[in-house]
N, C-alpha and C. Protein backbone atom coordinates (compact mmCIF):
# COMPACT_ATOMS: atom_id res chain seq x y z
N UNK A 1 100.88 60.09 -79.41
CA UNK A 1 101.94 59.54 -80.20
C UNK A 1 103.28 59.97 -79.64
N UNK A 2 103.41 61.21 -79.25
CA UNK A 2 104.69 61.71 -78.73
C UNK A 2 105.11 60.93 -77.49
N UNK A 3 104.17 60.62 -76.62
CA UNK A 3 104.52 59.87 -75.42
C UNK A 3 104.99 58.47 -75.78
N UNK A 4 104.33 57.82 -76.71
CA UNK A 4 104.75 56.48 -77.13
C UNK A 4 106.17 56.51 -77.68
N UNK A 5 106.48 57.50 -78.49
CA UNK A 5 107.83 57.63 -79.03
C UNK A 5 108.82 57.89 -77.90
N UNK A 6 108.45 58.78 -76.97
CA UNK A 6 109.34 59.13 -75.86
C UNK A 6 109.73 57.92 -75.02
N UNK A 7 108.79 57.03 -74.77
CA UNK A 7 109.07 55.87 -73.91
C UNK A 7 109.58 54.67 -74.71
N UNK A 8 109.81 54.85 -76.00
CA UNK A 8 110.42 53.80 -76.80
C UNK A 8 109.49 52.72 -77.29
N UNK A 9 108.24 53.06 -77.54
CA UNK A 9 107.30 52.07 -78.07
C UNK A 9 107.83 51.52 -79.39
N UNK A 10 107.61 50.24 -79.58
CA UNK A 10 108.08 49.61 -80.81
C UNK A 10 107.10 49.89 -81.95
N UNK A 11 107.63 49.79 -83.15
CA UNK A 11 106.79 49.98 -84.34
C UNK A 11 105.79 48.84 -84.42
N UNK A 12 104.67 49.11 -85.02
CA UNK A 12 103.65 48.09 -85.16
C UNK A 12 102.48 48.63 -85.95
N UNK A 13 101.45 47.85 -86.01
CA UNK A 13 100.21 48.24 -86.68
C UNK A 13 99.07 47.91 -85.74
N UNK A 14 98.15 48.82 -85.58
CA UNK A 14 96.97 48.57 -84.78
C UNK A 14 95.85 48.15 -85.72
N UNK A 15 95.44 46.92 -85.60
CA UNK A 15 94.41 46.36 -86.50
C UNK A 15 93.01 46.70 -86.01
N UNK A 16 92.09 46.72 -86.93
CA UNK A 16 90.65 46.87 -86.63
C UNK A 16 90.32 48.12 -85.84
N UNK A 17 90.92 49.23 -86.21
CA UNK A 17 90.58 50.48 -85.55
C UNK A 17 89.97 51.43 -86.57
N UNK A 18 89.05 52.20 -86.13
CA UNK A 18 88.47 53.21 -86.99
C UNK A 18 89.09 54.55 -86.65
N UNK A 19 89.11 55.44 -87.61
CA UNK A 19 89.66 56.77 -87.36
C UNK A 19 88.90 57.79 -88.17
N UNK A 20 88.85 59.00 -87.65
CA UNK A 20 88.22 60.08 -88.39
C UNK A 20 89.27 61.01 -88.98
N UNK A 21 90.53 60.74 -88.71
CA UNK A 21 91.62 61.58 -89.18
C UNK A 21 92.04 61.18 -90.58
N UNK A 22 92.56 62.14 -91.30
CA UNK A 22 93.17 61.84 -92.59
C UNK A 22 94.56 62.47 -92.61
N UNK A 23 95.36 62.08 -93.57
CA UNK A 23 96.74 62.54 -93.64
C UNK A 23 96.81 64.07 -93.67
N UNK A 24 95.92 64.69 -94.41
CA UNK A 24 95.93 66.15 -94.51
C UNK A 24 95.66 66.84 -93.19
N UNK A 25 94.90 66.21 -92.31
CA UNK A 25 94.62 66.79 -90.99
C UNK A 25 95.77 66.57 -90.02
N UNK A 26 96.37 65.40 -90.07
CA UNK A 26 97.40 65.02 -89.10
C UNK A 26 98.78 65.53 -89.51
N UNK A 27 99.05 65.55 -90.81
CA UNK A 27 100.40 65.87 -91.29
C UNK A 27 100.34 66.68 -92.59
N UNK A 28 99.82 67.90 -92.53
CA UNK A 28 99.61 68.65 -93.75
C UNK A 28 100.89 68.98 -94.54
N UNK A 29 102.01 69.11 -93.86
CA UNK A 29 103.25 69.46 -94.57
C UNK A 29 104.22 68.29 -94.74
N UNK A 30 103.84 67.09 -94.26
CA UNK A 30 104.67 65.91 -94.42
C UNK A 30 105.80 65.77 -93.41
N UNK A 31 105.90 66.70 -92.47
CA UNK A 31 107.01 66.65 -91.51
C UNK A 31 106.89 65.47 -90.55
N UNK A 32 105.69 65.08 -90.21
CA UNK A 32 105.51 63.92 -89.33
C UNK A 32 106.00 62.65 -90.03
N UNK A 33 105.70 62.51 -91.29
CA UNK A 33 106.17 61.37 -92.07
C UNK A 33 107.70 61.32 -92.06
N UNK A 34 108.34 62.46 -92.31
CA UNK A 34 109.80 62.51 -92.34
C UNK A 34 110.38 62.14 -90.97
N UNK A 35 109.79 62.64 -89.90
CA UNK A 35 110.25 62.33 -88.55
C UNK A 35 110.15 60.83 -88.27
N UNK A 36 109.00 60.24 -88.57
CA UNK A 36 108.82 58.82 -88.29
C UNK A 36 109.70 57.94 -89.18
N UNK A 37 109.96 58.37 -90.39
CA UNK A 37 110.89 57.62 -91.24
C UNK A 37 112.30 57.66 -90.66
N UNK A 38 112.66 58.77 -90.02
CA UNK A 38 113.98 58.87 -89.39
C UNK A 38 114.06 58.05 -88.09
N UNK A 39 113.00 58.09 -87.29
CA UNK A 39 112.99 57.38 -86.01
C UNK A 39 112.78 55.87 -86.17
N UNK A 40 112.03 55.48 -87.17
CA UNK A 40 111.69 54.07 -87.40
C UNK A 40 112.00 53.71 -88.86
N UNK A 41 113.27 53.72 -89.24
CA UNK A 41 113.62 53.51 -90.66
C UNK A 41 113.20 52.15 -91.22
N UNK A 42 113.02 51.16 -90.35
CA UNK A 42 112.63 49.82 -90.81
C UNK A 42 111.15 49.74 -91.18
N UNK A 43 110.38 50.75 -90.81
CA UNK A 43 108.94 50.74 -91.07
C UNK A 43 108.64 51.45 -92.38
N UNK A 44 107.93 50.79 -93.26
CA UNK A 44 107.63 51.37 -94.56
C UNK A 44 106.30 52.07 -94.68
N UNK A 45 105.54 52.11 -93.60
CA UNK A 45 104.21 52.72 -93.64
C UNK A 45 104.09 53.76 -92.52
N UNK A 46 104.62 54.96 -92.71
CA UNK A 46 104.66 55.94 -91.62
C UNK A 46 103.28 56.34 -91.09
N UNK A 47 102.27 56.36 -91.92
CA UNK A 47 100.96 56.78 -91.42
C UNK A 47 100.25 55.66 -90.66
N UNK A 48 100.46 54.43 -91.04
CA UNK A 48 99.95 53.31 -90.23
C UNK A 48 100.69 53.29 -88.89
N UNK A 49 101.98 53.61 -88.93
CA UNK A 49 102.77 53.69 -87.71
C UNK A 49 102.27 54.82 -86.82
N UNK A 50 101.93 55.95 -87.42
CA UNK A 50 101.37 57.07 -86.66
C UNK A 50 100.13 56.62 -85.91
N UNK A 51 99.23 55.95 -86.60
CA UNK A 51 98.01 55.44 -85.98
C UNK A 51 98.34 54.51 -84.82
N UNK A 52 99.28 53.61 -85.04
CA UNK A 52 99.68 52.66 -83.99
C UNK A 52 100.26 53.40 -82.78
N UNK A 53 101.15 54.36 -83.02
CA UNK A 53 101.78 55.08 -81.92
C UNK A 53 100.78 55.94 -81.16
N UNK A 54 99.80 56.49 -81.85
CA UNK A 54 98.74 57.25 -81.16
C UNK A 54 97.97 56.33 -80.22
N UNK A 55 97.60 55.16 -80.72
CA UNK A 55 96.87 54.21 -79.88
C UNK A 55 97.74 53.71 -78.73
N UNK A 56 99.01 53.42 -78.99
CA UNK A 56 99.92 52.98 -77.93
C UNK A 56 100.08 54.06 -76.88
N UNK A 57 100.23 55.30 -77.31
CA UNK A 57 100.38 56.40 -76.36
C UNK A 57 99.18 56.52 -75.44
N UNK A 58 98.00 56.41 -75.99
CA UNK A 58 96.78 56.47 -75.17
C UNK A 58 96.75 55.30 -74.20
N UNK A 59 97.09 54.11 -74.68
CA UNK A 59 97.10 52.93 -73.82
C UNK A 59 98.11 53.09 -72.69
N UNK A 60 99.29 53.58 -72.99
CA UNK A 60 100.33 53.74 -71.97
C UNK A 60 99.97 54.82 -70.96
N UNK A 61 99.38 55.90 -71.42
CA UNK A 61 98.95 56.95 -70.50
C UNK A 61 97.84 56.43 -69.60
N UNK A 62 96.92 55.65 -70.17
CA UNK A 62 95.84 55.07 -69.36
C UNK A 62 96.39 54.15 -68.28
N UNK A 63 97.50 53.46 -68.57
CA UNK A 63 98.12 52.60 -67.56
C UNK A 63 98.62 53.39 -66.37
N UNK A 64 98.89 54.67 -66.57
CA UNK A 64 99.38 55.51 -65.47
C UNK A 64 98.32 55.70 -64.40
N UNK A 65 97.07 55.43 -64.74
CA UNK A 65 95.99 55.54 -63.77
C UNK A 65 95.36 56.91 -63.74
N UNK A 66 94.40 57.06 -62.87
CA UNK A 66 93.62 58.30 -62.82
C UNK A 66 94.35 59.42 -62.10
N UNK A 67 95.35 59.12 -61.29
CA UNK A 67 96.01 60.16 -60.51
C UNK A 67 97.36 60.52 -61.12
N UNK A 68 97.36 60.98 -62.35
CA UNK A 68 98.59 61.36 -63.00
C UNK A 68 98.53 62.80 -63.45
N UNK A 69 99.69 63.37 -63.66
CA UNK A 69 99.81 64.71 -64.18
C UNK A 69 100.27 64.56 -65.63
N UNK A 70 99.41 64.87 -66.58
CA UNK A 70 99.72 64.68 -67.99
C UNK A 70 100.97 65.45 -68.39
N UNK A 71 101.16 66.64 -67.88
CA UNK A 71 102.36 67.41 -68.19
C UNK A 71 103.60 66.65 -67.75
N UNK A 72 103.56 66.09 -66.55
CA UNK A 72 104.70 65.34 -66.03
C UNK A 72 104.96 64.10 -66.88
N UNK A 73 103.92 63.41 -67.30
CA UNK A 73 104.08 62.24 -68.15
C UNK A 73 104.75 62.62 -69.46
N UNK A 74 104.31 63.69 -70.07
CA UNK A 74 104.84 64.07 -71.38
C UNK A 74 106.22 64.71 -71.31
N UNK A 75 106.48 65.49 -70.28
CA UNK A 75 107.72 66.26 -70.25
C UNK A 75 108.67 65.87 -69.14
N UNK A 76 108.27 64.97 -68.25
CA UNK A 76 109.16 64.42 -67.25
C UNK A 76 109.55 65.34 -66.12
N UNK A 77 108.75 66.34 -65.85
CA UNK A 77 109.03 67.21 -64.72
C UNK A 77 107.71 67.75 -64.16
N UNK A 78 107.67 68.07 -62.89
CA UNK A 78 106.45 68.62 -62.32
C UNK A 78 106.06 69.93 -62.98
N UNK A 79 104.77 70.22 -62.98
CA UNK A 79 104.26 71.43 -63.61
C UNK A 79 104.92 72.71 -63.07
N UNK A 80 105.19 72.77 -61.78
CA UNK A 80 105.76 73.97 -61.17
C UNK A 80 107.26 74.06 -61.23
N UNK A 81 107.94 73.10 -61.82
CA UNK A 81 109.41 73.12 -61.86
C UNK A 81 109.92 74.21 -62.79
N UNK A 82 111.07 74.76 -62.45
CA UNK A 82 111.68 75.77 -63.32
C UNK A 82 112.99 75.27 -63.87
């Protein structure tokens, strides 16, 4: 989800997906909801948006191919950089 937000993924809903997560597992203190409401104020369903952004993030990372450095994708710098 963080990667999708970082690269500017648009709000949406991912239809026909199953999940084993529940709100209490993903956002026990509600801070994720507050963050997504601030970043995507036009969206009225922050937890459906969370699901969508998680799926988008996985899809976008998969597009990077097999020869990627996940740290570099998420943080924009090589692992050994100071």
